[in-house]
PDB file of N, CA and C in Angstrom:
ATOM      1  N   UNK A   1     -72.445 -23.077 -82.436  1.00  0.00           N
ATOM      2  CA  UNK A   1     -73.788 -23.598 -82.458  1.00  0.00           C
ATOM      3  C   UNK A   1     -73.718 -24.991 -83.213  1.00  0.00           C
ATOM      4  N   UNK A   2     -74.318 -25.955 -82.596  1.00  0.00           N
ATOM      5  CA  UNK A   2     -74.304 -27.331 -83.219  1.00  0.00           C
ATOM      6  C   UNK A   2     -75.688 -27.642 -83.664  1.00  0.00           C
ATOM      7  N   UNK A   3     -75.822 -28.261 -84.790  1.00  0.00           N
ATOM      8  CA  UNK A   3     -77.082 -28.735 -85.332  1.00  0.00           C
ATOM      9  C   UNK A   3     -77.514 -30.017 -84.624  1.00  0.00           C
ATOM     10  N   UNK A   4     -78.746 -30.160 -84.285  1.00  0.00           N
ATOM     11  CA  UNK A   4     -79.241 -31.318 -83.738  1.00  0.00           C
ATOM     12  C   UNK A   4     -79.750 -32.243 -84.757  1.00  0.00           C
ATOM     13  N   UNK A   5     -79.431 -33.529 -84.653  1.00  0.00           N
ATOM     14  CA  UNK A   5     -79.793 -34.499 -85.626  1.00  0.00           C
ATOM     15  C   UNK A   5     -81.052 -35.227 -85.242  1.00  0.00           C
ATOM     16  N   UNK A   6     -82.090 -35.248 -86.133  1.00  0.00           N
ATOM     17  CA  UNK A   6     -83.309 -35.965 -85.761  1.00  0.00           C
ATOM     18  C   UNK A   6     -83.521 -37.161 -86.676  1.00  0.00           C
ATOM     19  N   UNK A   7     -84.039 -38.245 -86.188  1.00  0.00           N
ATOM     20  CA  UNK A   7     -84.435 -39.416 -86.959  1.00  0.00           C
ATOM     21  C   UNK A   7     -85.851 -39.548 -86.956  1.00  0.00           C
ATOM     22  N   UNK A   8     -86.468 -39.869 -88.154  1.00  0.00           N
ATOM     23  CA  UNK A   8     -87.869 -40.066 -88.206  1.00  0.00           C
ATOM     24  C   UNK A   8     -88.142 -41.523 -88.601  1.00  0.00           C
ATOM     25  N   UNK A   9     -89.032 -42.136 -87.711  1.00  0.00           N
ATOM     26  CA  UNK A   9     -89.446 -43.497 -87.946  1.00  0.00           C
ATOM     27  C   UNK A   9     -90.922 -43.554 -88.358  1.00  0.00           C
ATOM     28  N   UNK A  10     -91.253 -44.432 -89.358  1.00  0.00           N
ATOM     29  CA  UNK A  10     -92.489 -44.642 -89.761  1.00  0.00           C
ATOM     30  C   UNK A  10     -92.842 -46.066 -89.238  1.00  0.00           C
ATOM     31  N   UNK A  11     -93.881 -46.121 -88.310  1.00  0.00           N
ATOM     32  CA  UNK A  11     -94.312 -47.412 -87.699  1.00  0.00           C
ATOM     33  C   UNK A  11     -95.713 -47.565 -88.021  1.00  0.00           C
ATOM     34  N   UNK A  12     -96.032 -48.825 -88.150  1.00  0.00           N
ATOM     35  CA  UNK A  12     -97.458 -49.179 -88.241  1.00  0.00           C
ATOM     36  C   UNK A  12     -98.014 -49.458 -86.835  1.00  0.00           C
ATOM     37  N   UNK A  13     -99.410 -49.607 -86.670  1.00  0.00           N
ATOM     38  CA  UNK A  13     -99.960 -49.811 -85.394  1.00  0.00           C
ATOM     39  C   UNK A  13     -99.248 -50.780 -84.501  1.00  0.00           C
ATOM     40  N   UNK A  14     -98.945 -51.973 -85.113  1.00  0.00           N
ATOM     41  CA  UNK A  14     -98.320 -53.074 -84.312  1.00  0.00           C
ATOM     42  C   UNK A  14     -96.945 -52.623 -83.931  1.00  0.00           C
ATOM     43  N   UNK A  15     -96.117 -52.045 -84.702  1.00  0.00           N
ATOM     44  CA  UNK A  15     -94.783 -51.650 -84.276  1.00  0.00           C
ATOM     45  C   UNK A  15     -94.877 -50.533 -83.232  1.00  0.00           C
ATOM     46  N   UNK A  16     -95.792 -49.680 -83.377  1.00  0.00           N
ATOM     47  CA  UNK A  16     -95.990 -48.522 -82.458  1.00  0.00           C
ATOM     48  C   UNK A  16     -96.359 -49.154 -81.056  1.00  0.00           C
ATOM     49  N   UNK A  17     -97.260 -50.156 -81.064  1.00  0.00           N
ATOM     50  CA  UNK A  17     -97.593 -50.776 -79.768  1.00  0.00           C
ATOM     51  C   UNK A  17     -96.497 -51.483 -79.182  1.00  0.00           C
ATOM     52  N   UNK A  18     -95.674 -52.242 -79.921  1.00  0.00           N
ATOM     53  CA  UNK A  18     -94.520 -52.884 -79.425  1.00  0.00           C
ATOM     54  C   UNK A  18     -93.553 -51.907 -78.821  1.00  0.00           C
ATOM     55  N   UNK A  19     -93.299 -50.802 -79.462  1.00  0.00           N
ATOM     56  CA  UNK A  19     -92.380 -49.863 -78.947  1.00  0.00           C
ATOM     57  C   UNK A  19     -92.874 -49.246 -77.587  1.00  0.00           C
ATOM     58  N   UNK A  20     -94.211 -48.990 -77.510  1.00  0.00           N
ATOM     59  CA  UNK A  20     -94.703 -48.375 -76.279  1.00  0.00           C
ATOM     60  C   UNK A  20     -94.662 -49.484 -75.220  1.00  0.00           C
ATOM     61  N   UNK A  21     -94.944 -50.693 -75.479  1.00  0.00           N
ATOM     62  CA  UNK A  21     -94.882 -51.728 -74.452  1.00  0.00           C
ATOM     63  C   UNK A  21     -93.361 -51.943 -73.974  1.00  0.00           C
ATOM     64  N   UNK A  22     -92.509 -51.906 -74.945  1.00  0.00           N
ATOM     65  CA  UNK A  22     -91.007 -52.191 -74.481  1.00  0.00           C
ATOM     66  C   UNK A  22     -90.566 -51.001 -73.579  1.00  0.00           C
ATOM     67  N   UNK A  23     -90.957 -49.758 -73.939  1.00  0.00           N
ATOM     68  CA  UNK A  23     -90.526 -48.596 -73.211  1.00  0.00           C
ATOM     69  C   UNK A  23     -91.125 -48.735 -71.784  1.00  0.00           C
ATOM     70  N   UNK A  24     -92.442 -49.119 -71.759  1.00  0.00           N
ATOM     71  CA  UNK A  24     -93.109 -49.186 -70.452  1.00  0.00           C
ATOM     72  C   UNK A  24     -92.484 -50.280 -69.566  1.00  0.00           C
ATOM     73  N   UNK A  25     -92.231 -51.489 -70.219  1.00  0.00           N
ATOM     74  CA  UNK A  25     -91.533 -52.472 -69.424  1.00  0.00           C
ATOM     75  C   UNK A  25     -90.166 -52.113 -68.878  1.00  0.00           C
ATOM     76  N   UNK A  26     -89.410 -51.384 -69.725  1.00  0.00           N
ATOM     77  CA  UNK A  26     -88.077 -50.840 -69.228  1.00  0.00           C
ATOM     78  C   UNK A  26     -88.297 -49.860 -68.164  1.00  0.00           C
ATOM     79  N   UNK A  27     -89.323 -48.992 -68.233  1.00  0.00           N
ATOM     80  CA  UNK A  27     -89.551 -48.081 -67.198  1.00  0.00           C
ATOM     81  C   UNK A  27     -89.900 -48.735 -65.902  1.00  0.00           C
ATOM     82  N   UNK A  28     -90.760 -49.836 -65.919  1.00  0.00           N
ATOM     83  CA  UNK A  28     -91.093 -50.575 -64.827  1.00  0.00           C
ATOM     84  C   UNK A  28     -89.842 -51.189 -64.116  1.00  0.00           C
ATOM     85  N   UNK A  29     -89.036 -51.780 -65.015  1.00  0.00           N
ATOM     86  CA  UNK A  29     -87.726 -52.359 -64.528  1.00  0.00           C
ATOM     87  C   UNK A  29     -86.918 -51.420 -63.764  1.00  0.00           C
ATOM     88  N   UNK A  30     -86.769 -50.168 -64.234  1.00  0.00           N
ATOM     89  CA  UNK A  30     -85.930 -49.077 -63.654  1.00  0.00           C
ATOM     90  C   UNK A  30     -86.616 -48.750 -62.210  1.00  0.00           C
ATOM     91  N   UNK A  31     -87.963 -48.636 -62.233  1.00  0.00           N
ATOM     92  CA  UNK A  31     -88.650 -48.290 -61.010  1.00  0.00           C
ATOM     93  C   UNK A  31     -88.422 -49.356 -59.994  1.00  0.00           C
ATOM     94  N   UNK A  32     -88.419 -50.666 -60.337  1.00  0.00           N
ATOM     95  CA  UNK A  32     -88.244 -51.791 -59.435  1.00  0.00           C
ATOM     96  C   UNK A  32     -86.738 -51.691 -58.799  1.00  0.00           C
ATOM     97  N   UNK A  33     -85.951 -51.320 -59.651  1.00  0.00           N
ATOM     98  CA  UNK A  33     -84.448 -51.135 -59.298  1.00  0.00           C
ATOM     99  C   UNK A  33     -84.167 -49.816 -58.505  1.00  0.00           C
ATOM    100  N   UNK A  34     -85.192 -48.954 -58.459  1.00  0.00           N
ATOM    101  CA  UNK A  34     -85.007 -47.715 -57.758  1.00  0.00           C
ATOM    102  C   UNK A  34     -84.242 -46.677 -58.528  1.00  0.00           C
ATOM    103  N   UNK A  35     -84.172 -46.861 -59.897  1.00  0.00           N
ATOM    104  CA  UNK A  35     -83.378 -45.976 -60.634  1.00  0.00           C
ATOM    105  C   UNK A  35     -84.241 -44.800 -61.304  1.00  0.00           C
ATOM    106  N   UNK A  36     -83.606 -43.808 -61.778  1.00  0.00           N
ATOM    107  CA  UNK A  36     -84.330 -42.616 -62.373  1.00  0.00           C
ATOM    108  C   UNK A  36     -84.889 -42.991 -63.709  1.00  0.00           C
ATOM    109  N   UNK A  37     -86.192 -42.590 -63.926  1.00  0.00           N
ATOM    110  CA  UNK A  37     -86.884 -42.912 -65.186  1.00  0.00           C
ATOM    111  C   UNK A  37     -87.154 -41.712 -66.016  1.00  0.00           C
ATOM    112  N   UNK A  38     -86.537 -40.599 -65.768  1.00  0.00           N
ATOM    113  CA  UNK A  38     -86.890 -39.319 -66.405  1.00  0.00           C
ATOM    114  C   UNK A  38     -86.693 -39.405 -67.952  1.00  0.00           C
ATOM    115  N   UNK A  39     -85.588 -40.009 -68.442  1.00  0.00           N
ATOM    116  CA  UNK A  39     -85.378 -40.035 -69.836  1.00  0.00           C
ATOM    117  C   UNK A  39     -86.341 -40.998 -70.504  1.00  0.00           C
ATOM    118  N   UNK A  40     -86.546 -42.171 -69.910  1.00  0.00           N
ATOM    119  CA  UNK A  40     -87.539 -43.083 -70.539  1.00  0.00           C
ATOM    120  C   UNK A  40     -88.994 -42.439 -70.529  1.00  0.00           C
ATOM    121  N   UNK A  41     -89.317 -41.669 -69.481  1.00  0.00           N
ATOM    122  CA  UNK A  41     -90.615 -41.087 -69.385  1.00  0.00           C
ATOM    123  C   UNK A  41     -90.806 -40.137 -70.486  1.00  0.00           C
ATOM    124  N   UNK A  42     -89.735 -39.276 -70.761  1.00  0.00           N
ATOM    125  CA  UNK A  42     -89.783 -38.326 -71.891  1.00  0.00           C
ATOM    126  C   UNK A  42     -89.957 -38.978 -73.211  1.00  0.00           C
ATOM    127  N   UNK A  43     -89.169 -40.061 -73.483  1.00  0.00           N
ATOM    128  CA  UNK A  43     -89.278 -40.840 -74.753  1.00  0.00           C
ATOM    129  C   UNK A  43     -90.682 -41.501 -74.881  1.00  0.00           C
ATOM    130  N   UNK A  44     -91.150 -42.008 -73.854  1.00  0.00           N
ATOM    131  CA  UNK A  44     -92.483 -42.618 -73.914  1.00  0.00           C
ATOM    132  C   UNK A  44     -93.598 -41.644 -74.300  1.00  0.00           C
ATOM    133  N   UNK A  45     -93.487 -40.431 -73.628  1.00  0.00           N
ATOM    134  CA  UNK A  45     -94.470 -39.431 -73.996  1.00  0.00           C
ATOM    135  C   UNK A  45     -94.343 -39.065 -75.511  1.00  0.00           C
ATOM    136  N   UNK A  46     -93.105 -38.932 -75.921  1.00  0.00           N
ATOM    137  CA  UNK A  46     -92.922 -38.483 -77.340  1.00  0.00           C
ATOM    138  C   UNK A  46     -93.526 -39.488 -78.266  1.00  0.00           C
ATOM    139  N   UNK A  47     -93.320 -40.833 -78.025  1.00  0.00           N
ATOM    140  CA  UNK A  47     -93.931 -41.905 -78.786  1.00  0.00           C
ATOM    141  C   UNK A  47     -95.436 -41.909 -78.723  1.00  0.00           C
ATOM    142  N   UNK A  48     -95.923 -41.761 -77.554  1.00  0.00           N
ATOM    143  CA  UNK A  48     -97.408 -41.614 -77.396  1.00  0.00           C
ATOM    144  C   UNK A  48     -98.039 -40.436 -78.066  1.00  0.00           C
ATOM    145  N   UNK A  49     -97.413 -39.255 -78.098  1.00  0.00           N
ATOM    146  CA  UNK A  49     -97.949 -38.105 -78.663  1.00  0.00           C
ATOM    147  C   UNK A  49     -97.495 -37.805 -80.132  1.00  0.00           C
ATOM    148  N   UNK A  50     -96.786 -38.855 -80.712  1.00  0.00           N
ATOM    149  CA  UNK A  50     -96.358 -38.616 -82.115  1.00  0.00           C
ATOM    150  C   UNK A  50     -97.503 -38.460 -83.064  1.00  0.00           C
ATOM    151  N   UNK A  51     -97.318 -37.550 -83.949  1.00  0.00           N
ATOM    152  CA  UNK A  51     -98.503 -37.289 -84.942  1.00  0.00           C
ATOM    153  C   UNK A  51     -98.580 -38.452 -85.918  1.00  0.00           C
ATOM    154  N   UNK A  52     -99.878 -38.704 -86.379  1.00  0.00           N
ATOM    155  CA  UNK A  52    -100.194 -39.731 -87.351  1.00  0.00           C
ATOM    156  C   UNK A  52    -100.024 -39.238 -88.747  1.00  0.00           C
ATOM    157  N   UNK A  53     -99.629 -40.069 -89.695  1.00  0.00           N
ATOM    158  CA  UNK A  53     -99.576 -39.672 -91.065  1.00  0.00           C
ATOM    159  C   UNK A  53    -100.334 -40.671 -91.855  1.00  0.00           C
ATOM    160  N   UNK A  54    -101.409 -40.317 -92.551  1.00  0.00           N
ATOM    161  CA  UNK A  54    -102.151 -41.317 -93.300  1.00  0.00           C
ATOM    162  C   UNK A  54    -101.477 -41.560 -94.687  1.00  0.00           C
ATOM    163  N   UNK A  55    -101.440 -42.714 -95.076  1.00  0.00           N
ATOM    164  CA  UNK A  55    -100.840 -43.026 -96.359  1.00  0.00           C
ATOM    165  C   UNK A  55    -101.924 -43.621 -97.270  1.00  0.00           C
ATOM    166  N   UNK A  56    -102.192 -43.049 -98.390  1.00  0.00           N
ATOM    167  CA  UNK A  56    -103.222 -43.417 -99.361  1.00  0.00           C
ATOM    168  C   UNK A  56    -102.701 -44.313-100.475  1.00  0.00           C
ATOM    169  N   UNK A  57    -103.505 -45.341-100.849  1.00  0.00           N
ATOM    170  CA  UNK A  57    -103.060 -46.275-101.820  1.00  0.00           C
ATOM    171  C   UNK A  57    -104.114 -46.214-102.894  1.00  0.00           C
ATOM    172  N   UNK A  58    -103.710 -46.484-104.119  1.00  0.00           N
ATOM    173  CA  UNK A  58    -104.605 -46.626-105.321  1.00  0.00           C
ATOM    174  C   UNK A  58    -105.309 -47.964-105.233  1.00  0.00           C
ATOM    175  N   UNK A  59    -106.268 -48.090-106.025  1.00  0.00           N
ATOM    176  CA  UNK A  59    -107.105 -49.422-106.035  1.00  0.00           C
ATOM    177  C   UNK A  59    -106.227 -50.566-106.412  1.00  0.00           C
ATOM    178  N   UNK A  60    -105.281 -50.425-107.303  1.00  0.00           N
ATOM    179  CA  UNK A  60    -104.425 -51.542-107.742  1.00  0.00           C
ATOM    180  C   UNK A  60    -103.401 -51.965-106.722  1.00  0.00           C
ATOM    181  N   UNK A  61    -103.360 -51.294-105.561  1.00  0.00           N
ATOM    182  CA  UNK A  61    -102.445 -51.735-104.487  1.00  0.00           C
ATOM    183  C   UNK A  61    -101.216 -51.064-104.366  1.00  0.00           C
ATOM    184  N   UNK A  62    -100.763 -50.229-105.411  1.00  0.00           N
ATOM    185  CA  UNK A  62     -99.476 -49.572-105.353  1.00  0.00           C
ATOM    186  C   UNK A  62     -99.693 -48.158-104.810  1.00  0.00           C
ATOM    187  N   UNK A  63     -98.805 -47.694-104.097  1.00  0.00           N
ATOM    188  CA  UNK A  63     -98.797 -46.377-103.604  1.00  0.00           C
ATOM    189  C   UNK A  63     -98.562 -45.328-104.704  1.00  0.00           C
ATOM    190  N   UNK A  64     -98.832 -44.016-104.470  1.00  0.00           N
ATOM    191  CA  UNK A  64     -98.756 -42.935-105.468  1.00  0.00           C
ATOM    192  C   UNK A  64     -97.351 -42.617-105.784  1.00  0.00           C
ATOM    193  N   UNK A  65     -96.349 -43.096-105.067  1.00  0.00           N
ATOM    194  CA  UNK A  65     -94.952 -42.730-105.310  1.00  0.00           C
ATOM    195  C   UNK A  65     -94.337 -43.316-106.568  1.00  0.00           C
ATOM    196  N   UNK A  66     -95.063 -44.287-107.099  1.00  0.00           N
ATOM    197  CA  UNK A  66     -94.563 -44.909-108.339  1.00  0.00           C
ATOM    198  C   UNK A  66     -94.806 -44.097-109.620  1.00  0.00           C
TER     199      UNK A  66
END
């Protein structure tokens, strides 16, 4: 039995939008070339359905981790 390695990315709204746009453009390119888009479709859905995590900050601008 092998362990599957997961990577977690924290993206702001702009980065999330860039990633979605880039994956969609790549998917469109594959469609124009007549290639399979199954893996890109799955990844695009994962990015679109990723849960959000709110981060709270104190009034002085520093996060609570300090």
